[in-house]
Amino acid sequence: MDDKLKKMLETKGIALVSINKDGSPHLIAVAYAKVVDDKIIITDNFMKTTNENIKRHPMILLAVWNDEFEGYRIEGTAEYYNDGKWLEFVKSLKENDGLPAKGAIVVTPKKIVRLS
């Protein structure tokens, strides 16, 4: 993962697609993420369907782009944590002040495709 992608992930909105129980896609917008050791950490503040989907089927897709419409698609697997070090990590983020930070989604990228 290059520095340009890391910066986009930490400063731009992200589209996250998980897989519903019936196999259909479920798309949400994520306000921000953090990159730690080439893993993408996303806070669950208000998610319900997405975290249920990840617990059932870990494959996800992310898309992120900048103001010049340069972007990336990230295919990966996700794990959901509602306790432990990853939950403590997201609770400690200043971006989550005043928000529930009820879980952490840890994405391990498997394939990164440049979209522009």
PDB file of N, CA and C in Angstrom:
ATOM      1  N   MET A   1       0.861  -1.173   0.000  1.00  0.00           N
ATOM      2  CA  MET A   1       0.000   0.000   0.000  1.00  0.00           C
ATOM      3  C   MET A   1       0.905   1.233   0.000  1.00  0.00           C
ATOM      4  N   ASP A   2       0.734   2.083  -1.006  1.00  0.00           N
ATOM      5  CA  ASP A   2       1.604   3.256  -1.098  1.00  0.00           C
ATOM      6  C   ASP A   2       1.079   4.406  -0.223  1.00  0.00           C
ATOM      7  N   ASP A   3       1.928   5.425  -0.058  1.00  0.00           N
ATOM      8  CA  ASP A   3       1.582   6.566   0.802  1.00  0.00           C
ATOM      9  C   ASP A   3       0.377   7.344   0.292  1.00  0.00           C
ATOM     10  N   LYS A   4       0.221   7.427  -1.029  1.00  0.00           N
ATOM     11  CA  LYS A   4      -0.922   8.148  -1.611  1.00  0.00           C
ATOM     12  C   LYS A   4      -2.228   7.478  -1.193  1.00  0.00           C
ATOM     13  N   LEU A   5      -2.274   6.170  -1.279  1.00  0.00           N
ATOM     14  CA  LEU A   5      -3.472   5.436  -0.875  1.00  0.00           C
ATOM     15  C   LEU A   5      -3.714   5.581   0.622  1.00  0.00           C
ATOM     16  N   LYS A   6      -2.679   5.457   1.417  1.00  0.00           N
ATOM     17  CA  LYS A   6      -2.838   5.611   2.873  1.00  0.00           C
ATOM     18  C   LYS A   6      -3.428   6.972   3.208  1.00  0.00           C
ATOM     19  N   LYS A   7      -2.914   8.030   2.546  1.00  0.00           N
ATOM     20  CA  LYS A   7      -3.424   9.381   2.814  1.00  0.00           C
ATOM     21  C   LYS A   7      -4.898   9.492   2.421  1.00  0.00           C
ATOM     22  N   MET A   8      -5.256   8.929   1.260  1.00  0.00           N
ATOM     23  CA  MET A   8      -6.661   8.969   0.839  1.00  0.00           C
ATOM     24  C   MET A   8      -7.546   8.265   1.850  1.00  0.00           C
ATOM     25  N   LEU A   9      -7.133   7.090   2.288  1.00  0.00           N
ATOM     26  CA  LEU A   9      -7.941   6.325   3.240  1.00  0.00           C
ATOM     27  C   LEU A   9      -8.166   7.095   4.537  1.00  0.00           C
ATOM     28  N   GLU A  10      -7.165   7.888   4.930  1.00  0.00           N
ATOM     29  CA  GLU A  10      -7.263   8.601   6.203  1.00  0.00           C
ATOM     30  C   GLU A  10      -7.873   9.991   6.079  1.00  0.00           C
ATOM     31  N   THR A  11      -8.114  10.465   4.852  1.00  0.00           N
ATOM     32  CA  THR A  11      -8.635  11.832   4.705  1.00  0.00           C
ATOM     33  C   THR A  11      -9.887  11.949   3.830  1.00  0.00           C
ATOM     34  N   LYS A  12     -10.249  10.908   3.124  1.00  0.00           N
ATOM     35  CA  LYS A  12     -11.395  10.968   2.209  1.00  0.00           C
ATOM     36  C   LYS A  12     -12.468   9.974   2.638  1.00  0.00           C
ATOM     37  N   GLY A  13     -13.678  10.197   2.169  1.00  0.00           N
ATOM     38  CA  GLY A  13     -14.746   9.245   2.406  1.00  0.00           C
ATOM     39  C   GLY A  13     -14.474   7.950   1.651  1.00  0.00           C
ATOM     40  N   ILE A  14     -15.019   6.865   2.162  1.00  0.00           N
ATOM     41  CA  ILE A  14     -14.778   5.538   1.606  1.00  0.00           C
ATOM     42  C   ILE A  14     -16.122   4.858   1.378  1.00  0.00           C
ATOM     43  N   ALA A  15     -16.247   4.179   0.245  1.00  0.00           N
ATOM     44  CA  ALA A  15     -17.396   3.307   0.004  1.00  0.00           C
ATOM     45  C   ALA A  15     -17.005   1.903   0.454  1.00  0.00           C
ATOM     46  N   LEU A  16     -17.844   1.277   1.256  1.00  0.00           N
ATOM     47  CA  LEU A  16     -17.593  -0.076   1.762  1.00  0.00           C
ATOM     48  C   LEU A  16     -18.752  -0.973   1.353  1.00  0.00           C
ATOM     49  N   VAL A  17     -18.428  -2.082   0.714  1.00  0.00           N
ATOM     50  CA  VAL A  17     -19.438  -3.044   0.291  1.00  0.00           C
ATOM     51  C   VAL A  17     -19.208  -4.350   1.028  1.00  0.00           C
ATOM     52  N   SER A  18     -20.236  -4.804   1.729  1.00  0.00           N
ATOM     53  CA  SER A  18     -20.216  -6.131   2.352  1.00  0.00           C
ATOM     54  C   SER A  18     -21.292  -6.965   1.672  1.00  0.00           C
ATOM     55  N   ILE A  19     -21.381  -8.235   2.050  1.00  0.00           N
ATOM     56  CA  ILE A  19     -22.301  -9.158   1.391  1.00  0.00           C
ATOM     57  C   ILE A  19     -23.445  -9.506   2.333  1.00  0.00           C
ATOM     58  N   ASN A  20     -24.669  -9.212   1.887  1.00  0.00           N
ATOM     59  CA  ASN A  20     -25.863  -9.544   2.669  1.00  0.00           C
ATOM     60  C   ASN A  20     -26.074 -11.052   2.737  1.00  0.00           C
ATOM     61  N   LYS A  21     -26.931 -11.444   3.660  1.00  0.00           N
ATOM     62  CA  LYS A  21     -27.273 -12.853   3.863  1.00  0.00           C
ATOM     63  C   LYS A  21     -27.728 -13.530   2.574  1.00  0.00           C
ATOM     64  N   ASP A  22     -28.458 -12.792   1.721  1.00  0.00           N
ATOM     65  CA  ASP A  22     -28.968 -13.363   0.473  1.00  0.00           C
ATOM     66  C   ASP A  22     -27.965 -13.279  -0.680  1.00  0.00           C
ATOM     67  N   GLY A  23     -26.743 -12.802  -0.406  1.00  0.00           N
ATOM     68  CA  GLY A  23     -25.708 -12.703  -1.427  1.00  0.00           C
ATOM     69  C   GLY A  23     -25.660 -11.386  -2.164  1.00  0.00           C
ATOM     70  N   SER A  24     -26.612 -10.502  -1.896  1.00  0.00           N
ATOM     71  CA  SER A  24     -26.626  -9.192  -2.550  1.00  0.00           C
ATOM     72  C   SER A  24     -25.637  -8.246  -1.866  1.00  0.00           C
ATOM     73  N   PRO A  25     -25.191  -7.206  -2.575  1.00  0.00           N
ATOM     74  CA  PRO A  25     -24.251  -6.264  -1.974  1.00  0.00           C
ATOM     75  C   PRO A  25     -24.944  -5.288  -1.026  1.00  0.00           C
ATOM     76  N   HIS A  26     -24.208  -4.859  -0.010  1.00  0.00           N
ATOM     77  CA  HIS A  26     -24.686  -3.849   0.935  1.00  0.00           C
ATOM     78  C   HIS A  26     -23.632  -2.746   0.950  1.00  0.00           C
ATOM     79  N   LEU A  27     -24.002  -1.535   0.515  1.00  0.00           N
ATOM     80  CA  LEU A  27     -23.067  -0.415   0.394  1.00  0.00           C
ATOM     81  C   LEU A  27     -23.316   0.613   1.476  1.00  0.00           C
ATOM     82  N   ILE A  28     -22.228   1.055   2.119  1.00  0.00           N
ATOM     83  CA  ILE A  28     -22.312   2.169   3.065  1.00  0.00           C
ATOM     84  C   ILE A  28     -21.171   3.137   2.780  1.00  0.00           C
ATOM     85  N   ALA A  29     -21.304   4.346   3.296  1.00  0.00           N
ATOM     86  CA  ALA A  29     -20.233   5.338   3.244  1.00  0.00           C
ATOM     87  C   ALA A  29     -19.570   5.395   4.610  1.00  0.00           C
ATOM     88  N   VAL A  30     -18.247   5.435   4.594  1.00  0.00           N
ATOM     89  CA  VAL A  30     -17.457   5.514   5.821  1.00  0.00           C
ATOM     90  C   VAL A  30     -16.764   6.870   5.826  1.00  0.00           C
ATOM     91  N   ALA A  31     -16.869   7.597   6.920  1.00  0.00           N
ATOM     92  CA  ALA A  31     -16.332   8.958   6.988  1.00  0.00           C
ATOM     93  C   ALA A  31     -14.808   8.990   7.016  1.00  0.00           C
ATOM     94  N   TYR A  32     -14.193   8.043   7.699  1.00  0.00           N
ATOM     95  CA  TYR A  32     -12.729   8.027   7.782  1.00  0.00           C
ATOM     96  C   TYR A  32     -12.259   6.660   8.266  1.00  0.00           C
ATOM     97  N   ALA A  33     -10.977   6.431   8.049  1.00  0.00           N
ATOM     98  CA  ALA A  33     -10.343   5.190   8.488  1.00  0.00           C
ATOM     99  C   ALA A  33      -8.921   5.521   8.924  1.00  0.00           C
ATOM    100  N   LYS A  34      -8.275   4.562   9.515  1.00  0.00           N
ATOM    101  CA  LYS A  34      -6.861   4.675   9.875  1.00  0.00           C
ATOM    102  C   LYS A  34      -6.137   3.479   9.286  1.00  0.00           C
ATOM    103  N   VAL A  35      -4.877   3.676   8.914  1.00  0.00           N
ATOM    104  CA  VAL A  35      -4.060   2.585   8.404  1.00  0.00           C
ATOM    105  C   VAL A  35      -2.998   2.269   9.444  1.00  0.00           C
ATOM    106  N   VAL A  36      -2.954   0.997   9.857  1.00  0.00           N
ATOM    107  CA  VAL A  36      -1.975   0.530  10.840  1.00  0.00           C
ATOM    108  C   VAL A  36      -1.359  -0.750  10.283  1.00  0.00           C
ATOM    109  N   ASP A  37      -0.050  -0.720  10.042  1.00  0.00           N
ATOM    110  CA  ASP A  37       0.649  -1.911   9.532  1.00  0.00           C
ATOM    111  C   ASP A  37      -0.037  -2.498   8.307  1.00  0.00           C
ATOM    112  N   ASP A  38      -0.412  -1.648   7.355  1.00  0.00           N
ATOM    113  CA  ASP A  38      -1.079  -2.042   6.114  1.00  0.00           C
ATOM    114  C   ASP A  38      -2.440  -2.700   6.325  1.00  0.00           C
ATOM    115  N   LYS A  39      -3.016  -2.536   7.487  1.00  0.00           N
ATOM    116  CA  LYS A  39      -4.401  -2.934   7.739  1.00  0.00           C
ATOM    117  C   LYS A  39      -5.224  -1.645   7.822  1.00  0.00           C
ATOM    118  N   ILE A  40      -6.452  -1.712   7.365  1.00  0.00           N
ATOM    119  CA  ILE A  40      -7.331  -0.545   7.371  1.00  0.00           C
ATOM    120  C   ILE A  40      -8.310  -0.721   8.526  1.00  0.00           C
ATOM    121  N   ILE A  41      -8.317   0.251   9.439  1.00  0.00           N
ATOM    122  CA  ILE A  41      -9.146   0.171  10.636  1.00  0.00           C
ATOM    123  C   ILE A  41     -10.307   1.159  10.491  1.00  0.00           C
ATOM    124  N   ILE A  42     -11.520   0.624  10.601  1.00  0.00           N
ATOM    125  CA  ILE A  42     -12.743   1.418  10.458  1.00  0.00           C
ATOM    126  C   ILE A  42     -13.556   1.271  11.736  1.00  0.00           C
ATOM    127  N   THR A  43     -14.043   2.395  12.259  1.00  0.00           N
ATOM    128  CA  THR A  43     -14.852   2.367  13.470  1.00  0.00           C
ATOM    129  C   THR A  43     -16.300   2.050  13.156  1.00  0.00           C
ATOM    130  N   ASP A  44     -16.895   1.197  13.960  1.00  0.00           N
ATOM    131  CA  ASP A  44     -18.341   0.974  13.905  1.00  0.00           C
ATOM    132  C   ASP A  44     -18.972   1.871  14.954  1.00  0.00           C
ATOM    133  N   ASN A  45     -19.546   2.971  14.492  1.00  0.00           N
ATOM    134  CA  ASN A  45     -20.302   3.837  15.392  1.00  0.00           C
ATOM    135  C   ASN A  45     -21.798   3.554  15.311  1.00  0.00           C
ATOM    136  N   PHE A  46     -22.303   3.376  14.099  1.00  0.00           N
ATOM    137  CA  PHE A  46     -23.743   3.238  13.916  1.00  0.00           C
ATOM    138  C   PHE A  46     -24.129   2.084  12.989  1.00  0.00           C
ATOM    139  N   MET A  47     -23.208   1.195  12.710  1.00  0.00           N
ATOM    140  CA  MET A  47     -23.475   0.101  11.772  1.00  0.00           C
ATOM    141  C   MET A  47     -24.288  -1.007  12.434  1.00  0.00           C
ATOM    142  N   LYS A  48     -25.104  -1.649  11.648  1.00  0.00           N
ATOM    143  CA  LYS A  48     -25.815  -2.842  12.091  1.00  0.00           C
ATOM    144  C   LYS A  48     -25.657  -3.933  11.046  1.00  0.00           C
ATOM    145  N   THR A  49     -26.147  -3.672   9.844  1.00  0.00           N
ATOM    146  CA  THR A  49     -26.092  -4.671   8.781  1.00  0.00           C
ATOM    147  C   THR A  49     -24.654  -5.001   8.401  1.00  0.00           C
ATOM    148  N   THR A  50     -23.815  -3.984   8.267  1.00  0.00           N
ATOM    149  CA  THR A  50     -22.432  -4.221   7.848  1.00  0.00           C
ATOM    150  C   THR A  50     -21.700  -5.132   8.821  1.00  0.00           C
ATOM    151  N   ASN A  51     -21.811  -4.867  10.121  1.00  0.00           N
ATOM    152  CA  ASN A  51     -21.075  -5.719  11.062  1.00  0.00           C
ATOM    153  C   ASN A  51     -21.640  -7.131  11.089  1.00  0.00           C
ATOM    154  N   GLU A  52     -22.946  -7.283  10.919  1.00  0.00           N
ATOM    155  CA  GLU A  52     -23.537  -8.627  10.829  1.00  0.00           C
ATOM    156  C   GLU A  52     -23.031  -9.352   9.585  1.00  0.00           C
ATOM    157  N   ASN A  53     -22.957  -8.624   8.464  1.00  0.00           N
ATOM    158  CA  ASN A  53     -22.460  -9.223   7.228  1.00  0.00           C
ATOM    159  C   ASN A  53     -21.016  -9.699   7.367  1.00  0.00           C
ATOM    160  N   ILE A  54     -20.169  -8.867   7.959  1.00  0.00           N
ATOM    161  CA  ILE A  54     -18.755  -9.213   8.115  1.00  0.00           C
ATOM    162  C   ILE A  54     -18.586 -10.430   9.012  1.00  0.00           C
ATOM    163  N   LYS A  55     -19.364 -10.509  10.064  1.00  0.00           N
ATOM    164  CA  LYS A  55     -19.275 -11.672  10.952  1.00  0.00           C
ATOM    165  C   LYS A  55     -19.653 -12.958  10.216  1.00  0.00           C
ATOM    166  N   ARG A  56     -20.563 -12.848   9.273  1.00  0.00           N
ATOM    167  CA  ARG A  56     -21.046 -14.012   8.530  1.00  0.00           C
ATOM    168  C   ARG A  56     -20.160 -14.311   7.316  1.00  0.00           C
ATOM    169  N   HIS A  57     -19.705 -13.263   6.620  1.00  0.00           N
ATOM    170  CA  HIS A  57     -18.921 -13.428   5.390  1.00  0.00           C
ATOM    171  C   HIS A  57     -17.869 -12.320   5.350  1.00  0.00           C
ATOM    172  N   PRO A  58     -16.604 -12.640   5.519  1.00  0.00           N
ATOM    173  CA  PRO A  58     -15.577 -11.604   5.696  1.00  0.00           C
ATOM    174  C   PRO A  58     -15.127 -10.861   4.436  1.00  0.00           C
ATOM    175  N   MET A  59     -15.560 -11.269   3.243  1.00  0.00           N
ATOM    176  CA  MET A  59     -15.103 -10.590   2.035  1.00  0.00           C
ATOM    177  C   MET A  59     -15.771  -9.222   1.917  1.00  0.00           C
ATOM    178  N   ILE A  60     -14.946  -8.191   1.634  1.00  0.00           N
ATOM    179  CA  ILE A  60     -15.482  -6.845   1.423  1.00  0.00           C
ATOM    180  C   ILE A  60     -14.743  -6.149   0.291  1.00  0.00           C
ATOM    181  N   LEU A  61     -15.328  -5.075  -0.182  1.00  0.00           N
ATOM    182  CA  LEU A  61     -14.713  -4.185  -1.159  1.00  0.00           C
ATOM    183  C   LEU A  61     -14.749  -2.775  -0.601  1.00  0.00           C
ATOM    184  N   LEU A  62     -13.682  -2.032  -0.863  1.00  0.00           N
ATOM    185  CA  LEU A  62     -13.623  -0.622  -0.510  1.00  0.00           C
ATOM    186  C   LEU A  62     -13.293   0.161  -1.775  1.00  0.00           C
ATOM    187  N   ALA A  63     -13.774   1.376  -1.863  1.00  0.00           N
ATOM    188  CA  ALA A  63     -13.362   2.293  -2.926  1.00  0.00           C
ATOM    189  C   ALA A  63     -13.110   3.646  -2.281  1.00  0.00           C
ATOM    190  N   VAL A  64     -12.031   4.284  -2.717  1.00  0.00           N
ATOM    191  CA  VAL A  64     -11.677   5.609  -2.204  1.00  0.00           C
ATOM    192  C   VAL A  64     -11.098   6.411  -3.367  1.00  0.00           C
ATOM    193  N   TRP A  65     -11.343   7.728  -3.360  1.00  0.00           N
ATOM    194  CA  TRP A  65     -10.850   8.575  -4.436  1.00  0.00           C
ATOM    195  C   TRP A  65     -10.582   9.962  -3.890  1.00  0.00           C
ATOM    196  N   ASN A  66      -9.766  10.709  -4.636  1.00  0.00           N
ATOM    197  CA  ASN A  66      -9.446  12.070  -4.209  1.00  0.00           C
ATOM    198  C   ASN A  66     -10.228  13.085  -5.047  1.00  0.00           C
ATOM    199  N   ASP A  67      -9.922  14.360  -4.850  1.00  0.00           N
ATOM    200  CA  ASP A  67     -10.649  15.427  -5.544  1.00  0.00           C
ATOM    201  C   ASP A  67     -10.396  15.442  -7.053  1.00  0.00           C
ATOM    202  N   GLU A  68      -9.324  14.814  -7.496  1.00  0.00           N
ATOM    203  CA  GLU A  68      -9.018  14.722  -8.929  1.00  0.00           C
ATOM    204  C   GLU A  68      -9.583  13.427  -9.527  1.00  0.00           C
ATOM    205  N   PHE A  69     -10.377  12.702  -8.743  1.00  0.00           N
ATOM    206  CA  PHE A  69     -10.997  11.441  -9.150  1.00  0.00           C
ATOM    207  C   PHE A  69      -9.985  10.343  -9.456  1.00  0.00           C
ATOM    208  N   GLU A  70      -8.810  10.424  -8.839  1.00  0.00           N
ATOM    209  CA  GLU A  70      -7.879   9.300  -8.842  1.00  0.00           C
ATOM    210  C   GLU A  70      -8.340   8.403  -7.698  1.00  0.00           C
ATOM    211  N   GLY A  71      -8.399   7.125  -7.937  1.00  0.00           N
ATOM    212  CA  GLY A  71      -8.921   6.278  -6.884  1.00  0.00           C
ATOM    213  C   GLY A  71      -8.381   4.869  -6.891  1.00  0.00           C
ATOM    214  N   TYR A  72      -8.858   4.115  -5.910  1.00  0.00           N
ATOM    215  CA  TYR A  72      -8.441   2.728  -5.728  1.00  0.00           C
ATOM    216  C   TYR A  72      -9.648   1.883  -5.337  1.00  0.00           C
ATOM    217  N   ARG A  73      -9.626   0.635  -5.781  1.00  0.00           N
ATOM    218  CA  ARG A  73     -10.554  -0.383  -5.285  1.00  0.00           C
ATOM    219  C   ARG A  73      -9.716  -1.365  -4.494  1.00  0.00           C
ATOM    220  N   ILE A  74     -10.187  -1.691  -3.303  1.00  0.00           N
ATOM    221  CA  ILE A  74      -9.468  -2.609  -2.424  1.00  0.00           C
ATOM    222  C   ILE A  74     -10.364  -3.799  -2.150  1.00  0.00           C
ATOM    223  N   GLU A  75      -9.890  -4.968  -2.517  1.00  0.00           N
ATOM    224  CA  GLU A  75     -10.584  -6.212  -2.200  1.00  0.00           C
ATOM    225  C   GLU A  75      -9.868  -6.816  -1.005  1.00  0.00           C
ATOM    226  N   GLY A  76     -10.638  -7.268  -0.022  1.00  0.00           N
ATOM    227  CA  GLY A  76      -9.991  -7.816   1.152  1.00  0.00           C
ATOM    228  C   GLY A  76     -10.936  -8.593   2.035  1.00  0.00           C
ATOM    229  N   THR A  77     -10.399  -8.941   3.178  1.00  0.00           N
ATOM    230  CA  THR A  77     -11.201  -9.614   4.194  1.00  0.00           C
ATOM    231  C   THR A  77     -11.260  -8.713   5.421  1.00  0.00           C
ATOM    232  N   ALA A  78     -12.340  -8.850   6.149  1.00  0.00           N
ATOM    233  CA  ALA A  78     -12.540  -8.009   7.330  1.00  0.00           C
ATOM    234  C   ALA A  78     -12.849  -8.874   8.538  1.00  0.00           C
ATOM    235  N   GLU A  79     -12.396  -8.403   9.672  1.00  0.00           N
ATOM    236  CA  GLU A  79     -12.732  -9.022  10.955  1.00  0.00           C
ATOM    237  C   GLU A  79     -13.377  -7.946  11.823  1.00  0.00           C
ATOM    238  N   TYR A  80     -14.364  -8.345  12.586  1.00  0.00           N
ATOM    239  CA  TYR A  80     -15.079  -7.413  13.454  1.00  0.00           C
ATOM    240  C   TYR A  80     -14.679  -7.677  14.907  1.00  0.00           C
ATOM    241  N   TYR A  81     -14.325  -6.607  15.625  1.00  0.00           N
ATOM    242  CA  TYR A  81     -13.919  -6.716  17.030  1.00  0.00           C
ATOM    243  C   TYR A  81     -14.806  -5.819  17.884  1.00  0.00           C
ATOM    244  N   ASN A  82     -15.436  -6.404  18.898  1.00  0.00           N
ATOM    245  CA  ASN A  82     -16.200  -5.587  19.849  1.00  0.00           C
ATOM    246  C   ASN A  82     -15.568  -5.620  21.237  1.00  0.00           C
ATOM    247  N   ASP A  83     -14.302  -6.057  21.271  1.00  0.00           N
ATOM    248  CA  ASP A  83     -13.496  -5.956  22.484  1.00  0.00           C
ATOM    249  C   ASP A  83     -12.024  -6.080  22.096  1.00  0.00           C
ATOM    250  N   GLY A  84     -11.136  -5.882  23.060  1.00  0.00           N
ATOM    251  CA  GLY A  84      -9.712  -6.050  22.803  1.00  0.00           C
ATOM    252  C   GLY A  84      -9.023  -4.808  22.270  1.00  0.00           C
ATOM    253  N   LYS A  85      -7.798  -5.023  21.764  1.00  0.00           N
ATOM    254  CA  LYS A  85      -6.927  -3.904  21.385  1.00  0.00           C
ATOM    255  C   LYS A  85      -7.487  -3.045  20.255  1.00  0.00           C
ATOM    256  N   TRP A  86      -8.183  -3.657  19.281  1.00  0.00           N
ATOM    257  CA  TRP A  86      -8.708  -2.855  18.181  1.00  0.00           C
ATOM    258  C   TRP A  86      -9.873  -1.978  18.637  1.00  0.00           C
ATOM    259  N   LEU A  87     -10.702  -2.485  19.516  1.00  0.00           N
ATOM    260  CA  LEU A  87     -11.768  -1.636  20.054  1.00  0.00           C
ATOM    261  C   LEU A  87     -11.159  -0.491  20.855  1.00  0.00           C
ATOM    262  N   GLU A  88     -10.172  -0.782  21.672  1.00  0.00           N
ATOM    263  CA  GLU A  88      -9.512   0.274  22.444  1.00  0.00           C
ATOM    264  C   GLU A  88      -8.864   1.301  21.516  1.00  0.00           C
ATOM    265  N   PHE A  89      -8.297   0.830  20.410  1.00  0.00           N
ATOM    266  CA  PHE A  89      -7.679   1.740  19.440  1.00  0.00           C
ATOM    267  C   PHE A  89      -8.708   2.727  18.878  1.00  0.00           C
ATOM    268  N   VAL A  90      -9.849   2.226  18.398  1.00  0.00           N
ATOM    269  CA  VAL A  90     -10.835   3.143  17.804  1.00  0.00           C
ATOM    270  C   VAL A  90     -11.451   4.051  18.861  1.00  0.00           C
ATOM    271  N   LYS A  91     -11.612   3.563  20.073  1.00  0.00           N
ATOM    272  CA  LYS A  91     -12.144   4.422  21.134  1.00  0.00           C
ATOM    273  C   LYS A  91     -11.191   5.565  21.460  1.00  0.00           C
ATOM    274  N   SER A  92      -9.898   5.360  21.231  1.00  0.00           N
ATOM    275  CA  SER A  92      -8.899   6.384  21.551  1.00  0.00           C
ATOM    276  C   SER A  92      -8.768   7.455  20.473  1.00  0.00           C
ATOM    277  N   LEU A  93      -9.376   7.258  19.315  1.00  0.00           N
ATOM    278  CA  LEU A  93      -9.249   8.221  18.220  1.00  0.00           C
ATOM    279  C   LEU A  93     -10.045   9.491  18.500  1.00  0.00           C
ATOM    280  N   LYS A  94      -9.419  10.640  18.273  1.00  0.00           N
ATOM    281  CA  LYS A  94     -10.104  11.917  18.513  1.00  0.00           C
ATOM    282  C   LYS A  94     -11.342  12.060  17.642  1.00  0.00           C
ATOM    283  N   GLU A  95     -11.334  11.435  16.443  1.00  0.00           N
ATOM    284  CA  GLU A  95     -12.488  11.501  15.550  1.00  0.00           C
ATOM    285  C   GLU A  95     -13.725  10.846  16.162  1.00  0.00           C
ATOM    286  N   ASN A  96     -13.523   9.974  17.132  1.00  0.00           N
ATOM    287  CA  ASN A  96     -14.645   9.267  17.754  1.00  0.00           C
ATOM    288  C   ASN A  96     -15.115   9.905  19.060  1.00  0.00           C
ATOM    289  N   ASP A  97     -14.553  11.054  19.424  1.00  0.00           N
ATOM    290  CA  ASP A  97     -15.019  11.735  20.644  1.00  0.00           C
ATOM    291  C   ASP A  97     -16.519  11.972  20.566  1.00  0.00           C
ATOM    292  N   GLY A  98     -17.238  11.538  21.574  1.00  0.00           N
ATOM    293  CA  GLY A  98     -18.676  11.727  21.637  1.00  0.00           C
ATOM    294  C   GLY A  98     -19.482  10.723  20.836  1.00  0.00           C
ATOM    295  N   LEU A  99     -18.811   9.790  20.169  1.00  0.00           N
ATOM    296  CA  LEU A  99     -19.493   8.757  19.381  1.00  0.00           C
ATOM    297  C   LEU A  99     -19.380   7.412  20.110  1.00  0.00           C
ATOM    298  N   PRO A 100     -20.257   6.464  19.815  1.00  0.00           N
ATOM    299  CA  PRO A 100     -20.270   5.219  20.587  1.00  0.00           C
ATOM    300  C   PRO A 100     -19.049   4.307  20.399  1.00  0.00           C
ATOM    301  N   ALA A 101     -18.402   4.341  19.239  1.00  0.00           N
ATOM    302  CA  ALA A 101     -17.244   3.465  18.972  1.00  0.00           C
ATOM    303  C   ALA A 101     -17.494   2.069  19.538  1.00  0.00           C
ATOM    304  N   LYS A 102     -18.540   1.409  19.047  1.00  0.00           N
ATOM    305  CA  LYS A 102     -18.943   0.117  19.609  1.00  0.00           C
ATOM    306  C   LYS A 102     -18.200  -1.071  19.037  1.00  0.00           C
ATOM    307  N   GLY A 103     -17.412  -0.852  17.976  1.00  0.00           N
ATOM    308  CA  GLY A 103     -16.643  -1.946  17.392  1.00  0.00           C
ATOM    309  C   GLY A 103     -15.612  -1.422  16.415  1.00  0.00           C
ATOM    310  N   ALA A 104     -14.713  -2.334  16.021  1.00  0.00           N
ATOM    311  CA  ALA A 104     -13.681  -2.008  15.041  1.00  0.00           C
ATOM    312  C   ALA A 104     -13.710  -3.045  13.935  1.00  0.00           C
ATOM    313  N   ILE A 105     -13.630  -2.563  12.711  1.00  0.00           N
ATOM    314  CA  ILE A 105     -13.515  -3.434  11.545  1.00  0.00           C
ATOM    315  C   ILE A 105     -12.071  -3.335  11.076  1.00  0.00           C
ATOM    316  N   VAL A 106     -11.400  -4.470  11.020  1.00  0.00           N
ATOM    317  CA  VAL A 106     -10.004  -4.524  10.600  1.00  0.00           C
ATOM    318  C   VAL A 106      -9.958  -5.219   9.243  1.00  0.00           C
ATOM    319  N   VAL A 107      -9.565  -4.456   8.230  1.00  0.00           N
ATOM    320  CA  VAL A 107      -9.537  -4.949   6.852  1.00  0.00           C
ATOM    321  C   VAL A 107      -8.101  -5.313   6.475  1.00  0.00           C
ATOM    322  N   THR A 108      -7.945  -6.526   5.974  1.00  0.00           N
ATOM    323  CA  THR A 108      -6.668  -6.971   5.416  1.00  0.00           C
ATOM    324  C   THR A 108      -6.808  -6.962   3.895  1.00  0.00           C
ATOM    325  N   PRO A 109      -6.137  -6.002   3.219  1.00  0.00           N
ATOM    326  CA  PRO A 109      -6.240  -5.948   1.765  1.00  0.00           C
ATOM    327  C   PRO A 109      -5.623  -7.189   1.114  1.00  0.00           C
ATOM    328  N   LYS A 110      -6.302  -7.726   0.105  1.00  0.00           N
ATOM    329  CA  LYS A 110      -5.799  -8.864  -0.662  1.00  0.00           C
ATOM    330  C   LYS A 110      -5.419  -8.439  -2.070  1.00  0.00           C
ATOM    331  N   LYS A 111      -6.131  -7.432  -2.623  1.00  0.00           N
ATOM    332  CA  LYS A 111      -5.871  -6.935  -3.964  1.00  0.00           C
ATOM    333  C   LYS A 111      -6.205  -5.456  -4.011  1.00  0.00           C
ATOM    334  N   ILE A 112      -5.288  -4.662  -4.539  1.00  0.00           N
ATOM    335  CA  ILE A 112      -5.497  -3.222  -4.669  1.00  0.00           C
ATOM    336  C   ILE A 112      -5.384  -2.869  -6.148  1.00  0.00           C
ATOM    337  N   VAL A 113      -6.417  -2.207  -6.675  1.00  0.00           N
ATOM    338  CA  VAL A 113      -6.468  -1.855  -8.092  1.00  0.00           C
ATOM    339  C   VAL A 113      -6.590  -0.337  -8.199  1.00  0.00           C
ATOM    340  N   ARG A 114      -5.692   0.265  -8.947  1.00  0.00           N
ATOM    341  CA  ARG A 114      -5.779   1.710  -9.197  1.00  0.00           C
ATOM    342  C   ARG A 114      -6.874   1.950 -10.226  1.00  0.00           C
ATOM    343  N   LEU A 115      -7.764   2.902  -9.969  1.00  0.00           N
ATOM    344  CA  LEU A 115      -8.925   3.131 -10.817  1.00  0.00           C
ATOM    345  C   LEU A 115      -8.740   4.245 -11.829  1.00  0.00           C
ATOM    346  N   SER A 116      -7.609   4.913 -11.828  1.00  0.00           N
ATOM    347  CA  SER A 116      -7.429   6.000 -12.787  1.00  0.00           C
ATOM    348  C   SER A 116      -6.122   5.859 -13.527  1.00  0.00           C
TER     349      SER A 116
END
